[in-house]
Amino acid sequence: MDDHKRYLWLFLGGFSIVSLLLVWSVIFRTVTTFEAGTRPAEVTQVQAKTPKLPPLRQTDSARGTSSTKAIVIVEYSDYTCSYCRTSELELNSVLASYPNEIRHIYRDLPIVSDRPDAILASSASRCAKEQGKFWPMHDALLKMTTIDTTSLQDTATILKMNVQTFNACVQSGKYIVEIQNDIQTAKDQGITESPTYFIGNAVLTGYVKASDFQWAILKERVF
């Protein structure tokens, strides 16, 4: 009997998450949509300003050096976007080459689509951050072929997180409004693509190669 109850609660919990995310997706899609690695034609026609970086925040998820002289790379990305995933591999190779010079900041810019997994992934990363596991979860999300309650719970277990606390955080949807606000802030600053990278005065979008990152870093160093 206990097993039946447990499975019932797991089903209800998973169903509530999907329902919440689908409702959010439908509502927010009426405001804006983003397409991975491309600049939508309708946005190109109305956008009059160059993308600008919103102010940095102490709450931003960051890795790398904390030196005040660090070259800062701010990434707007989506865990389910193919261009984001391939660009991240290129970025990781660059970060490994400059371990004491670069500070990498990640910000969510999930693509609004009929699939709620992009929002679910962003929520999961923020819930993992509560347990000091943002970057391990970040790396795991970029490798997942399927992002759902089961894969997230399995990953939380592998990362030795408090799975019950993590599940409760994800199921509550506590970060959805925060994610929505970050997306709107990005849009207000002309950021319309995932991924988008800011490196000094340089703005890189779409699939970005390691050589592109390195060139932008070199210019930041020199100028």
Protein backbone atom coordinates (compact mmCIF):
# COMPACT_ATOMS: atom_id res chain seq x y z
CA MET A 1 0.00 0.00 0.00
CA ASP A 2 2.87 2.34 0.87
CA ASP A 3 4.43 1.78 -2.56
CA HIS A 4 1.14 2.67 -4.27
CA LYS A 5 0.89 5.89 -2.28
CA ARG A 6 4.50 6.79 -3.05
CA TYR A 7 4.03 6.27 -6.79
CA LEU A 8 0.79 8.28 -6.67
CA TRP A 9 2.53 11.22 -4.99
CA LEU A 10 5.42 11.06 -7.48
CA PHE A 11 2.94 11.10 -10.37
CA LEU A 12 0.97 14.00 -8.89
CA GLY A 13 4.17 15.94 -8.19
CA GLY A 14 5.46 15.46 -11.74
CA PHE A 15 2.06 16.31 -13.23
CA SER A 16 1.85 19.54 -11.20
CA ILE A 17 5.29 20.66 -12.40
CA VAL A 18 4.49 20.04 -16.06
CA SER A 19 1.10 21.75 -15.73
CA LEU A 20 2.62 24.81 -14.06
CA LEU A 21 5.33 25.13 -16.70
CA LEU A 22 2.90 24.67 -19.58
CA VAL A 23 0.64 27.42 -18.23
CA TRP A 24 3.63 29.72 -17.79
CA SER A 25 4.86 28.94 -21.30
CA VAL A 26 1.49 29.71 -22.88
CA ILE A 27 1.16 33.01 -21.01
CA PHE A 28 4.69 34.20 -21.67
CA ARG A 29 4.63 33.16 -25.35
CA THR A 30 2.05 35.87 -25.89
CA VAL A 31 4.74 38.39 -24.91
CA THR A 32 7.82 37.13 -26.71
CA THR A 33 9.54 34.14 -28.25
CA PHE A 34 13.19 33.29 -28.84
CA GLU A 35 14.70 30.92 -31.37
CA ALA A 36 17.98 29.15 -30.67
CA GLY A 37 20.99 30.51 -32.51
CA THR A 38 19.05 32.73 -34.88
CA ARG A 39 17.69 36.23 -34.92
CA PRO A 40 13.93 36.01 -35.62
CA ALA A 41 12.89 38.15 -38.58
CA GLU A 42 10.18 39.96 -36.64
CA VAL A 43 12.67 40.95 -33.93
CA THR A 44 15.23 42.12 -36.48
CA GLN A 45 12.68 44.46 -38.04
CA VAL A 46 11.69 46.19 -34.82
CA GLN A 47 14.91 46.07 -32.83
CA ALA A 48 16.62 49.44 -33.01
CA LYS A 49 19.25 49.10 -30.31
CA THR A 50 22.41 47.07 -29.90
CA PRO A 51 22.24 44.47 -27.11
CA LYS A 52 23.40 45.95 -23.83
CA LEU A 53 24.49 44.15 -20.72
CA PRO A 54 22.22 44.70 -17.71
CA PRO A 55 24.06 45.49 -14.44
CA LEU A 56 25.92 42.63 -12.80
CA ARG A 57 24.45 41.29 -9.57
CA GLN A 58 25.97 39.63 -6.52
CA THR A 59 23.39 36.88 -6.95
CA ASP A 60 24.64 35.97 -10.45
CA SER A 61 26.04 32.43 -10.75
CA ALA A 62 29.74 32.84 -11.47
CA ARG A 63 32.93 30.80 -11.66
CA GLY A 64 36.58 31.53 -12.31
CA THR A 65 38.74 34.19 -10.74
CA SER A 66 37.27 36.78 -8.40
CA SER A 67 40.03 39.27 -9.20
CA THR A 68 38.91 42.83 -9.88
CA LYS A 69 41.14 42.68 -12.97
CA ALA A 70 39.34 39.64 -14.38
CA ILE A 71 38.02 39.58 -17.93
CA VAL A 72 34.31 38.99 -17.42
CA ILE A 73 32.28 36.82 -19.78
CA VAL A 74 28.52 37.09 -19.25
CA GLU A 75 26.53 34.36 -20.95
CA TYR A 76 22.80 34.36 -21.68
CA SER A 77 21.83 30.83 -22.54
CA ASP A 78 19.32 27.99 -22.61
CA TYR A 79 20.11 24.45 -21.43
CA THR A 80 18.07 22.88 -24.25
CA CYS A 81 19.45 24.97 -27.14
CA SER A 82 21.78 23.13 -29.53
CA TYR A 83 23.87 26.22 -30.31
CA CYS A 84 24.17 26.92 -26.57
CA ARG A 85 25.42 23.41 -25.92
CA THR A 86 28.03 23.41 -28.68
CA SER A 87 29.19 26.92 -27.80
CA GLU A 88 29.58 25.87 -24.17
CA LEU A 89 32.07 23.20 -25.21
CA GLU A 90 34.10 25.85 -27.02
CA LEU A 91 33.87 28.18 -24.03
CA ASN A 92 35.00 25.48 -21.60
CA SER A 93 38.19 24.95 -23.57
CA VAL A 94 38.90 28.68 -23.39
CA LEU A 95 38.17 28.86 -19.67
CA ALA A 96 40.66 26.03 -19.10
CA SER A 97 43.30 28.07 -20.95
CA TYR A 98 42.78 31.17 -18.78
CA PRO A 99 42.10 29.79 -15.27
CA ASN A 100 43.33 32.90 -13.47
CA GLU A 101 42.11 35.60 -15.84
CA ILE A 102 38.43 35.00 -16.59
CA ARG A 103 35.23 35.25 -14.57
CA HIS A 104 32.30 33.48 -16.24
CA ILE A 105 28.77 34.55 -15.31
CA TYR A 106 25.74 32.54 -16.42
CA ARG A 107 22.25 33.96 -16.87
CA ASP A 108 19.12 32.17 -18.05
CA LEU A 109 17.52 33.02 -21.38
CA PRO A 110 15.34 29.94 -21.98
CA ILE A 111 13.58 29.57 -25.29
CA VAL A 112 9.81 29.69 -24.96
CA SER A 113 8.32 26.87 -26.98
CA ASP A 114 5.78 24.08 -26.72
CA ARG A 115 8.33 22.16 -24.62
CA PRO A 116 8.47 23.21 -20.97
CA ASP A 117 11.83 21.53 -20.33
CA ALA A 118 13.82 24.75 -20.93
CA ILE A 119 12.06 26.46 -18.04
CA LEU A 120 12.25 23.30 -15.95
CA ALA A 121 16.02 23.16 -16.51
CA SER A 122 16.50 26.78 -15.47
CA SER A 123 14.41 26.16 -12.36
CA ALA A 124 16.43 23.05 -11.52
CA SER A 125 19.73 24.91 -11.79
CA ARG A 126 18.52 27.57 -9.36
CA CYS A 127 17.24 24.95 -6.93
CA ALA A 128 20.62 23.22 -7.14
CA LYS A 129 22.29 26.54 -6.37
CA GLU A 130 20.53 26.55 -2.99
CA GLN A 131 22.68 23.52 -2.12
CA GLY A 132 25.88 24.89 -3.63
CA LYS A 133 25.56 22.65 -6.69
CA PHE A 134 24.79 25.15 -9.45
CA TRP A 135 27.78 24.43 -11.68
CA PRO A 136 27.66 20.61 -11.39
CA MET A 137 23.93 20.74 -12.23
CA HIS A 138 24.63 23.28 -15.01
CA ASP A 139 27.14 20.91 -16.62
CA ALA A 140 24.82 17.93 -16.23
CA LEU A 141 21.83 19.75 -17.76
CA LEU A 142 23.83 20.58 -20.89
CA LYS A 143 24.46 16.86 -21.43
CA MET A 144 20.95 15.54 -20.79
CA THR A 145 19.05 14.09 -23.72
CA THR A 146 15.81 14.27 -21.73
CA ILE A 147 15.10 16.85 -19.04
CA ASP A 148 12.23 15.77 -16.80
CA THR A 149 11.51 15.08 -13.13
CA THR A 150 13.10 11.64 -13.30
CA SER A 151 16.37 12.73 -14.92
CA LEU A 152 16.62 15.71 -12.57
CA GLN A 153 16.07 13.54 -9.50
CA ASP A 154 18.65 11.02 -10.73
CA THR A 155 21.16 13.84 -11.29
CA ALA A 156 20.50 15.31 -7.85
CA THR A 157 21.20 11.87 -6.37
CA ILE A 158 24.46 11.55 -8.30
CA LEU A 159 25.52 15.01 -7.15
CA LYS A 160 24.83 13.95 -3.54
CA MET A 161 22.22 16.63 -3.03
CA ASN A 162 19.34 16.51 -0.59
CA VAL A 163 16.93 15.08 -3.15
CA GLN A 164 13.80 15.69 -1.11
CA THR A 165 14.64 19.38 -0.68
CA PHE A 166 15.58 19.68 -4.36
CA ASN A 167 12.32 18.05 -5.51
CA ALA A 168 10.27 20.31 -3.26
CA CYS A 169 12.02 23.37 -4.67
CA VAL A 170 11.45 22.36 -8.29
CA GLN A 171 7.84 21.30 -7.72
CA SER A 172 6.99 24.59 -6.00
CA GLY A 173 7.91 26.60 -9.12
CA LYS A 174 9.42 29.21 -6.78
CA TYR A 175 11.86 30.52 -9.41
CA ILE A 176 9.55 30.75 -12.44
CA VAL A 177 8.60 34.40 -11.90
CA GLU A 178 12.26 35.26 -11.29
CA ILE A 179 13.24 33.57 -14.56
CA GLN A 180 10.44 35.39 -16.38
CA ASN A 181 11.68 38.71 -15.00
CA ASP A 182 15.24 37.98 -16.14
CA ILE A 183 13.99 37.16 -19.64
CA GLN A 184 12.05 40.42 -19.78
CA THR A 185 15.07 42.39 -18.55
CA ALA A 186 17.19 40.81 -21.29
CA LYS A 187 14.58 41.66 -23.91
CA ASP A 188 14.41 45.26 -22.68
CA GLN A 189 18.17 45.52 -23.23
CA GLY A 190 17.93 44.19 -26.80
CA ILE A 191 19.13 40.66 -25.99
CA THR A 192 17.06 38.45 -28.28
CA GLU A 193 19.17 35.34 -28.89
CA SER A 194 20.37 32.31 -26.99
CA PRO A 195 23.26 32.11 -26.63
CA THR A 196 24.52 35.68 -26.29
CA TYR A 197 27.92 36.45 -24.77
CA PHE A 198 29.25 39.78 -23.53
CA ILE A 199 33.03 40.15 -23.34
CA GLY A 200 33.92 43.77 -22.71
CA ASN A 201 32.49 45.70 -25.64
CA ALA A 202 32.12 42.57 -27.75
CA VAL A 203 28.74 40.85 -28.19
CA LEU A 204 28.84 37.30 -29.60
CA THR A 205 25.69 35.42 -30.58
CA GLY A 206 24.73 32.07 -32.04
CA TYR A 207 27.33 29.31 -32.33
CA VAL A 208 30.58 30.77 -31.03
CA LYS A 209 33.92 29.04 -31.67
CA ALA A 210 36.87 29.00 -29.28
CA SER A 211 38.79 31.25 -31.66
CA ASP A 212 35.99 33.83 -31.47
CA PHE A 213 36.15 33.82 -27.68
CA GLN A 214 39.93 34.09 -27.75
CA TRP A 215 39.88 37.03 -30.16
CA ALA A 216 37.38 38.90 -28.01
CA ILE A 217 39.49 38.20 -24.91
CA LEU A 218 42.63 39.41 -26.67
CA LYS A 219 40.98 42.67 -27.67
CA GLU A 220 39.77 43.16 -24.10
CA ARG A 221 43.32 42.60 -22.85
CA VAL A 222 44.89 45.05 -25.28
CA PHE A 223 42.28 47.79 -25.27
